[in-house]
């Protein structure tokens, strides 16, 4: 049985959207402090393959045009 997640999915999605919508890009450590999350958790959400799904909701791209997530060997 997997361990429960420390941060809710809604917080993750909102944090990734906030970061990607910001211009200029904020310092991840400072943004994480404002959101009350660990800076490495925020960095993983932004840069990780799962963060792609947060940006695809409502996307106009067809599934065949979306980049495939990378697989780690």
C-alpha atoms as a PDB file:
ATOM      1  CA  UNK A   1       0.000   0.000   0.000  1.00  0.00           C
ATOM      2  CA  UNK A   2       1.558   3.353  -1.015  1.00  0.00           C
ATOM      3  CA  UNK A   3       2.202   6.033   1.553  1.00  0.00           C
ATOM      4  CA  UNK A   4      -0.250   8.951   1.648  1.00  0.00           C
ATOM      5  CA  UNK A   5       0.865  12.073  -0.193  1.00  0.00           C
ATOM      6  CA  UNK A   6       2.153  14.930   1.899  1.00  0.00           C
ATOM      7  CA  UNK A   7       0.758  17.660  -0.363  1.00  0.00           C
ATOM      8  CA  UNK A   8      -2.697  17.631  -1.984  1.00  0.00           C
ATOM      9  CA  UNK A   9      -2.901  17.314  -5.766  1.00  0.00           C
ATOM     10  CA  UNK A  10      -4.715  20.674  -5.993  1.00  0.00           C
ATOM     11  CA  UNK A  11      -1.748  22.414  -4.350  1.00  0.00           C
ATOM     12  CA  UNK A  12       0.664  20.764  -6.776  1.00  0.00           C
ATOM     13  CA  UNK A  13      -1.390  21.777  -9.792  1.00  0.00           C
ATOM     14  CA  UNK A  14      -1.798  25.351  -8.562  1.00  0.00           C
ATOM     15  CA  UNK A  15       1.921  25.683  -7.803  1.00  0.00           C
ATOM     16  CA  UNK A  16       2.946  24.452 -11.265  1.00  0.00           C
ATOM     17  CA  UNK A  17       0.409  26.747 -12.956  1.00  0.00           C
ATOM     18  CA  UNK A  18       1.596  29.727 -10.893  1.00  0.00           C
ATOM     19  CA  UNK A  19       5.233  29.060 -11.747  1.00  0.00           C
ATOM     20  CA  UNK A  20       4.609  28.588 -15.472  1.00  0.00           C
ATOM     21  CA  UNK A  21       2.383  31.687 -15.704  1.00  0.00           C
ATOM     22  CA  UNK A  22       4.929  33.924 -13.949  1.00  0.00           C
ATOM     23  CA  UNK A  23       7.164  36.246 -15.955  1.00  0.00           C
ATOM     24  CA  UNK A  24       9.970  36.579 -15.061  1.00  0.00           C
ATOM     25  CA  UNK A  25      10.261  33.136 -13.495  1.00  0.00           C
ATOM     26  CA  UNK A  26      10.367  33.314  -9.700  1.00  0.00           C
ATOM     27  CA  UNK A  27      13.103  31.778  -7.569  1.00  0.00           C
ATOM     28  CA  UNK A  28      11.833  28.292  -6.740  1.00  0.00           C
ATOM     29  CA  UNK A  29      13.081  28.417  -3.164  1.00  0.00           C
ATOM     30  CA  UNK A  30      11.237  31.685  -2.461  1.00  0.00           C
ATOM     31  CA  UNK A  31       8.030  30.551  -4.151  1.00  0.00           C
ATOM     32  CA  UNK A  32       8.094  27.284  -2.186  1.00  0.00           C
ATOM     33  CA  UNK A  33       8.482  29.228   1.049  1.00  0.00           C
ATOM     34  CA  UNK A  34       5.448  31.378   0.168  1.00  0.00           C
ATOM     35  CA  UNK A  35       3.384  28.250  -0.603  1.00  0.00           C
ATOM     36  CA  UNK A  36       4.551  26.428   2.526  1.00  0.00           C
ATOM     37  CA  UNK A  37       6.150  23.497   0.688  1.00  0.00           C
ATOM     38  CA  UNK A  38       9.700  22.172   0.534  1.00  0.00           C
ATOM     39  CA  UNK A  39      11.699  23.734  -2.306  1.00  0.00           C
ATOM     40  CA  UNK A  40      12.806  20.354  -3.683  1.00  0.00           C
ATOM     41  CA  UNK A  41       9.184  19.172  -3.803  1.00  0.00           C
ATOM     42  CA  UNK A  42       8.244  22.237  -5.851  1.00  0.00           C
ATOM     43  CA  UNK A  43      11.276  21.794  -8.099  1.00  0.00           C
ATOM     44  CA  UNK A  44      10.266  18.148  -8.754  1.00  0.00           C
ATOM     45  CA  UNK A  45       6.689  19.151  -9.585  1.00  0.00           C
ATOM     46  CA  UNK A  46       7.870  21.783 -12.054  1.00  0.00           C
ATOM     47  CA  UNK A  47      10.589  19.736 -13.734  1.00  0.00           C
ATOM     48  CA  UNK A  48       9.229  16.219 -13.364  1.00  0.00           C
ATOM     49  CA  UNK A  49       7.410  14.254 -16.063  1.00  0.00           C
ATOM     50  CA  UNK A  50       4.185  14.337 -14.040  1.00  0.00           C
ATOM     51  CA  UNK A  51       4.057  18.125 -14.226  1.00  0.00           C
ATOM     52  CA  UNK A  52       3.297  17.810 -17.946  1.00  0.00           C
ATOM     53  CA  UNK A  53      -0.181  16.460 -17.197  1.00  0.00           C
ATOM     54  CA  UNK A  54      -1.029  19.619 -15.234  1.00  0.00           C
ATOM     55  CA  UNK A  55      -0.457  21.759 -18.330  1.00  0.00           C
ATOM     56  CA  UNK A  56      -2.316  19.449 -20.738  1.00  0.00           C
ATOM     57  CA  UNK A  57      -5.767  19.964 -19.297  1.00  0.00           C
ATOM     58  CA  UNK A  58      -7.746  21.861 -21.867  1.00  0.00           C
ATOM     59  CA  UNK A  59      -4.885  21.623 -24.318  1.00  0.00           C
ATOM     60  CA  UNK A  60      -5.686  22.133 -27.976  1.00  0.00           C
ATOM     61  CA  UNK A  61      -3.045  19.591 -28.985  1.00  0.00           C
ATOM     62  CA  UNK A  62      -4.204  16.189 -30.087  1.00  0.00           C
ATOM     63  CA  UNK A  63      -2.819  13.282 -28.046  1.00  0.00           C
ATOM     64  CA  UNK A  64      -0.650  12.258 -30.996  1.00  0.00           C
ATOM     65  CA  UNK A  65       1.044  15.703 -30.941  1.00  0.00           C
ATOM     66  CA  UNK A  66       1.831  15.707 -27.221  1.00  0.00           C
ATOM     67  CA  UNK A  67       5.383  14.758 -26.262  1.00  0.00           C
ATOM     68  CA  UNK A  68       5.732  11.324 -24.729  1.00  0.00           C
ATOM     69  CA  UNK A  69       6.953  11.156 -21.104  1.00  0.00           C
ATOM     70  CA  UNK A  70      10.544   9.981 -20.809  1.00  0.00           C
ATOM     71  CA  UNK A  71      11.118   6.535 -19.384  1.00  0.00           C
ATOM     72  CA  UNK A  72      14.004   5.936 -17.052  1.00  0.00           C
ATOM     73  CA  UNK A  73      15.857   2.723 -17.981  1.00  0.00           C
END
